[in-house]
Amino acid sequence: MHSIKEDSIVIRFEDGTITECSSAIIIPEKAIVEAGYIKTLTTNSTAHSKHEFQAITQMALFKFQENELGLKTFNGPFTIQCKNEIETVTAGVLVLLDSQGDLHIIGSPGQNVNKLLQLAHRFCTRWVRLDI
């Protein structure tokens, strides 16, 4: 049985797979039309979280473009739970930072992963710049 840490973000896939992480960026397919659909979740709720997300999206984008980080695909919807918040995603990309600090990109087949990562990076960069 998989024991889940109380302070982690939990992702459940349709096939029963469960993954945990400390930070996640949900980039649904509909973010191509409206970036406001991008969601960020972290267990480290601090004032610097937006800087962490900007760094995560930048690293994920660059590593993906340089073929240093591949896409793990999933079929069907998945749910992501952080504290009392639950989100269901049917199509898109999920960028995860696990508890060891490793990045993962998970997406549904047929997604324009590069485009979605660019949108998330731009979204997080604008968020950071609003405070400067």
C-alpha atoms as a PDB file:
ATOM      1  CA  MET A   1       0.000   0.000   0.000  1.00  0.00           C
ATOM      2  CA  HIS A   2       1.260   3.465  -0.919  1.00  0.00           C
ATOM      3  CA  SER A   3       1.531   5.729   2.139  1.00  0.00           C
ATOM      4  CA  ILE A   4       0.884   9.376   1.344  1.00  0.00           C
ATOM      5  CA  LYS A   5       2.510  12.221   3.215  1.00  0.00           C
ATOM      6  CA  GLU A   6      -0.029  14.640   4.618  1.00  0.00           C
ATOM      7  CA  ASP A   7       1.816  17.727   3.328  1.00  0.00           C
ATOM      8  CA  SER A   8       2.316  16.525  -0.252  1.00  0.00           C
ATOM      9  CA  ILE A   9       0.480  17.127  -3.491  1.00  0.00           C
ATOM     10  CA  VAL A  10      -1.077  13.878  -4.679  1.00  0.00           C
ATOM     11  CA  ILE A  11      -1.787  13.027  -8.325  1.00  0.00           C
ATOM     12  CA  ARG A  12      -4.045  10.062  -9.120  1.00  0.00           C
ATOM     13  CA  PHE A  13      -4.180   8.710 -12.646  1.00  0.00           C
ATOM     14  CA  GLU A  14      -7.022   6.716 -14.171  1.00  0.00           C
ATOM     15  CA  ASP A  15      -4.916   3.519 -14.192  1.00  0.00           C
ATOM     16  CA  GLY A  16      -4.521   3.698 -10.408  1.00  0.00           C
ATOM     17  CA  THR A  17      -1.002   5.150 -10.379  1.00  0.00           C
ATOM     18  CA  ILE A  18      -0.374   7.617  -7.563  1.00  0.00           C
ATOM     19  CA  THR A  19       2.415  10.210  -7.640  1.00  0.00           C
ATOM     20  CA  GLU A  20       3.417  12.748  -5.004  1.00  0.00           C
ATOM     21  CA  CYS A  21       5.275  16.038  -5.350  1.00  0.00           C
ATOM     22  CA  SER A  22       6.028  19.254  -3.474  1.00  0.00           C
ATOM     23  CA  SER A  23       5.166  21.667  -6.321  1.00  0.00           C
ATOM     24  CA  ALA A  24       3.030  21.313  -9.435  1.00  0.00           C
ATOM     25  CA  ILE A  25       2.046  23.485 -12.356  1.00  0.00           C
ATOM     26  CA  ILE A  26      -1.133  22.448 -14.156  1.00  0.00           C
ATOM     27  CA  ILE A  27      -1.201  23.605 -17.781  1.00  0.00           C
ATOM     28  CA  PRO A  28      -4.495  22.433 -19.266  1.00  0.00           C
ATOM     29  CA  GLU A  29      -4.925  22.332 -23.028  1.00  0.00           C
ATOM     30  CA  LYS A  30      -7.391  25.251 -22.817  1.00  0.00           C
ATOM     31  CA  ALA A  31      -4.506  27.471 -21.561  1.00  0.00           C
ATOM     32  CA  ILE A  32      -3.579  27.943 -25.229  1.00  0.00           C
ATOM     33  CA  VAL A  33      -6.694  30.123 -25.509  1.00  0.00           C
ATOM     34  CA  GLU A  34      -6.548  31.716 -22.030  1.00  0.00           C
ATOM     35  CA  ALA A  35      -3.468  31.572 -19.766  1.00  0.00           C
ATOM     36  CA  GLY A  36      -5.663  32.169 -16.718  1.00  0.00           C
ATOM     37  CA  TYR A  37      -6.417  28.431 -16.648  1.00  0.00           C
ATOM     38  CA  ILE A  38      -2.836  27.668 -15.531  1.00  0.00           C
ATOM     39  CA  LYS A  39      -2.737  26.677 -11.858  1.00  0.00           C
ATOM     40  CA  THR A  40       0.186  26.493  -9.467  1.00  0.00           C
ATOM     41  CA  LEU A  41       0.250  24.369  -6.326  1.00  0.00           C
ATOM     42  CA  THR A  42       2.936  24.036  -3.671  1.00  0.00           C
ATOM     43  CA  THR A  43       3.305  22.597  -0.201  1.00  0.00           C
ATOM     44  CA  ASN A  44       5.817  25.377   0.577  1.00  0.00           C
ATOM     45  CA  SER A  45       3.384  28.266   0.899  1.00  0.00           C
ATOM     46  CA  THR A  46       5.718  31.230   1.139  1.00  0.00           C
ATOM     47  CA  ALA A  47       5.990  34.701  -0.319  1.00  0.00           C
ATOM     48  CA  HIS A  48       8.664  33.384  -2.704  1.00  0.00           C
ATOM     49  CA  SER A  49       6.516  30.675  -4.310  1.00  0.00           C
ATOM     50  CA  LYS A  50       5.994  32.664  -7.506  1.00  0.00           C
ATOM     51  CA  HIS A  51       9.784  32.850  -7.982  1.00  0.00           C
ATOM     52  CA  GLU A  52       9.981  29.071  -7.489  1.00  0.00           C
ATOM     53  CA  PHE A  53       7.289  28.527 -10.132  1.00  0.00           C
ATOM     54  CA  GLN A  54       9.015  30.855 -12.573  1.00  0.00           C
ATOM     55  CA  ALA A  55      12.276  28.913 -12.100  1.00  0.00           C
ATOM     56  CA  ILE A  56      10.483  25.548 -12.441  1.00  0.00           C
ATOM     57  CA  THR A  57       8.788  26.545 -15.700  1.00  0.00           C
ATOM     58  CA  GLN A  58      12.016  27.967 -17.095  1.00  0.00           C
ATOM     59  CA  MET A  59      13.993  24.824 -16.246  1.00  0.00           C
ATOM     60  CA  ALA A  60      11.256  22.542 -17.607  1.00  0.00           C
ATOM     61  CA  LEU A  61      11.014  24.509 -20.864  1.00  0.00           C
ATOM     62  CA  PHE A  62      14.770  24.672 -21.465  1.00  0.00           C
ATOM     63  CA  LYS A  63      15.380  21.035 -20.500  1.00  0.00           C
ATOM     64  CA  PHE A  64      12.495  19.910 -22.719  1.00  0.00           C
ATOM     65  CA  GLN A  65      13.785  21.976 -25.673  1.00  0.00           C
ATOM     66  CA  GLU A  66      17.289  20.531 -25.195  1.00  0.00           C
ATOM     67  CA  ASN A  67      15.904  16.958 -24.960  1.00  0.00           C
ATOM     68  CA  GLU A  68      17.231  16.664 -21.391  1.00  0.00           C
ATOM     69  CA  LEU A  69      13.752  16.108 -19.989  1.00  0.00           C
ATOM     70  CA  GLY A  70      11.188  13.953 -21.737  1.00  0.00           C
ATOM     71  CA  LEU A  71       7.446  13.753 -21.562  1.00  0.00           C
ATOM     72  CA  LYS A  72       5.764  10.938 -19.658  1.00  0.00           C
ATOM     73  CA  THR A  73       2.338  10.400 -21.187  1.00  0.00           C
ATOM     74  CA  PHE A  74      -0.913   9.445 -19.486  1.00  0.00           C
ATOM     75  CA  ASN A  75      -4.229   8.345 -20.912  1.00  0.00           C
ATOM     76  CA  GLY A  76      -7.482   9.542 -19.457  1.00  0.00           C
ATOM     77  CA  PRO A  77      -8.099  12.195 -16.850  1.00  0.00           C
ATOM     78  CA  PHE A  78      -6.194  12.569 -13.601  1.00  0.00           C
ATOM     79  CA  THR A  79      -6.928  14.313 -10.318  1.00  0.00           C
ATOM     80  CA  ILE A  80      -4.517  16.424  -8.368  1.00  0.00           C
ATOM     81  CA  GLN A  81      -5.098  17.160  -4.694  1.00  0.00           C
ATOM     82  CA  CYS A  82      -3.362  19.770  -2.566  1.00  0.00           C
ATOM     83  CA  LYS A  83      -4.743  20.155   0.945  1.00  0.00           C
ATOM     84  CA  ASN A  84      -8.537  20.472   0.456  1.00  0.00           C
ATOM     85  CA  GLU A  85      -8.359  21.492  -3.209  1.00  0.00           C
ATOM     86  CA  ILE A  86      -9.002  18.869  -5.913  1.00  0.00           C
ATOM     87  CA  GLU A  87      -8.610  19.558  -9.633  1.00  0.00           C
ATOM     88  CA  THR A  88      -9.400  17.174 -12.510  1.00  0.00           C
ATOM     89  CA  VAL A  89      -7.487  17.511 -15.780  1.00  0.00           C
ATOM     90  CA  THR A  90      -8.509  15.695 -18.952  1.00  0.00           C
ATOM     91  CA  ALA A  91      -5.933  17.116 -21.395  1.00  0.00           C
ATOM     92  CA  GLY A  92      -2.770  19.145 -20.994  1.00  0.00           C
ATOM     93  CA  VAL A  93       0.601  19.075 -19.299  1.00  0.00           C
ATOM     94  CA  LEU A  94       1.636  18.826 -15.672  1.00  0.00           C
ATOM     95  CA  VAL A  95       5.075  19.953 -14.465  1.00  0.00           C
ATOM     96  CA  LEU A  96       6.101  18.409 -11.148  1.00  0.00           C
ATOM     97  CA  LEU A  97       8.929  19.045  -8.729  1.00  0.00           C
ATOM     98  CA  ASP A  98       9.287  15.982  -6.520  1.00  0.00           C
ATOM     99  CA  SER A  99      10.533  15.948  -2.939  1.00  0.00           C
ATOM    100  CA  GLN A 100      14.084  15.155  -4.163  1.00  0.00           C
ATOM    101  CA  GLY A 101      14.060  18.278  -6.369  1.00  0.00           C
ATOM    102  CA  ASP A 102      13.715  16.395  -9.678  1.00  0.00           C
ATOM    103  CA  LEU A 103      11.556  17.796 -12.472  1.00  0.00           C
ATOM    104  CA  HIS A 104       8.979  15.736 -14.358  1.00  0.00           C
ATOM    105  CA  ILE A 105       6.750  16.623 -17.291  1.00  0.00           C
ATOM    106  CA  ILE A 106       3.593  14.552 -17.637  1.00  0.00           C
ATOM    107  CA  GLY A 107       1.135  15.104 -20.465  1.00  0.00           C
ATOM    108  CA  SER A 108      -1.694  13.628 -22.437  1.00  0.00           C
ATOM    109  CA  PRO A 109      -0.892  12.371 -25.958  1.00  0.00           C
ATOM    110  CA  GLY A 110      -1.099  14.854 -28.827  1.00  0.00           C
ATOM    111  CA  GLN A 111      -0.311  17.961 -26.799  1.00  0.00           C
ATOM    112  CA  ASN A 112       1.943  20.743 -28.067  1.00  0.00           C
ATOM    113  CA  VAL A 113       4.168  20.400 -25.013  1.00  0.00           C
ATOM    114  CA  ASN A 114       6.655  23.065 -26.087  1.00  0.00           C
ATOM    115  CA  LYS A 115       3.848  25.613 -26.601  1.00  0.00           C
ATOM    116  CA  LEU A 116       2.206  24.790 -23.257  1.00  0.00           C
ATOM    117  CA  LEU A 117       5.546  25.063 -21.408  1.00  0.00           C
ATOM    118  CA  GLN A 118       6.206  28.419 -23.102  1.00  0.00           C
ATOM    119  CA  LEU A 119       2.788  29.669 -21.988  1.00  0.00           C
ATOM    120  CA  ALA A 120       3.393  28.557 -18.399  1.00  0.00           C
ATOM    121  CA  HIS A 121       6.834  30.186 -18.346  1.00  0.00           C
ATOM    122  CA  ARG A 122       5.409  33.448 -19.704  1.00  0.00           C
ATOM    123  CA  PHE A 123       2.525  33.289 -17.190  1.00  0.00           C
ATOM    124  CA  CYS A 124       4.884  32.781 -14.219  1.00  0.00           C
ATOM    125  CA  THR A 125       7.365  35.397 -15.452  1.00  0.00           C
ATOM    126  CA  ARG A 126       4.597  38.018 -15.700  1.00  0.00           C
ATOM    127  CA  TRP A 127       3.451  37.061 -12.206  1.00  0.00           C
ATOM    128  CA  VAL A 128       6.965  37.717 -10.837  1.00  0.00           C
ATOM    129  CA  ARG A 129       7.324  40.992 -12.754  1.00  0.00           C
ATOM    130  CA  LEU A 130       4.124  42.369 -11.239  1.00  0.00           C
ATOM    131  CA  ASP A 131       5.969  42.691  -7.919  1.00  0.00           C
ATOM    132  CA  ILE A 132       9.173  44.248  -9.263  1.00  0.00           C
END
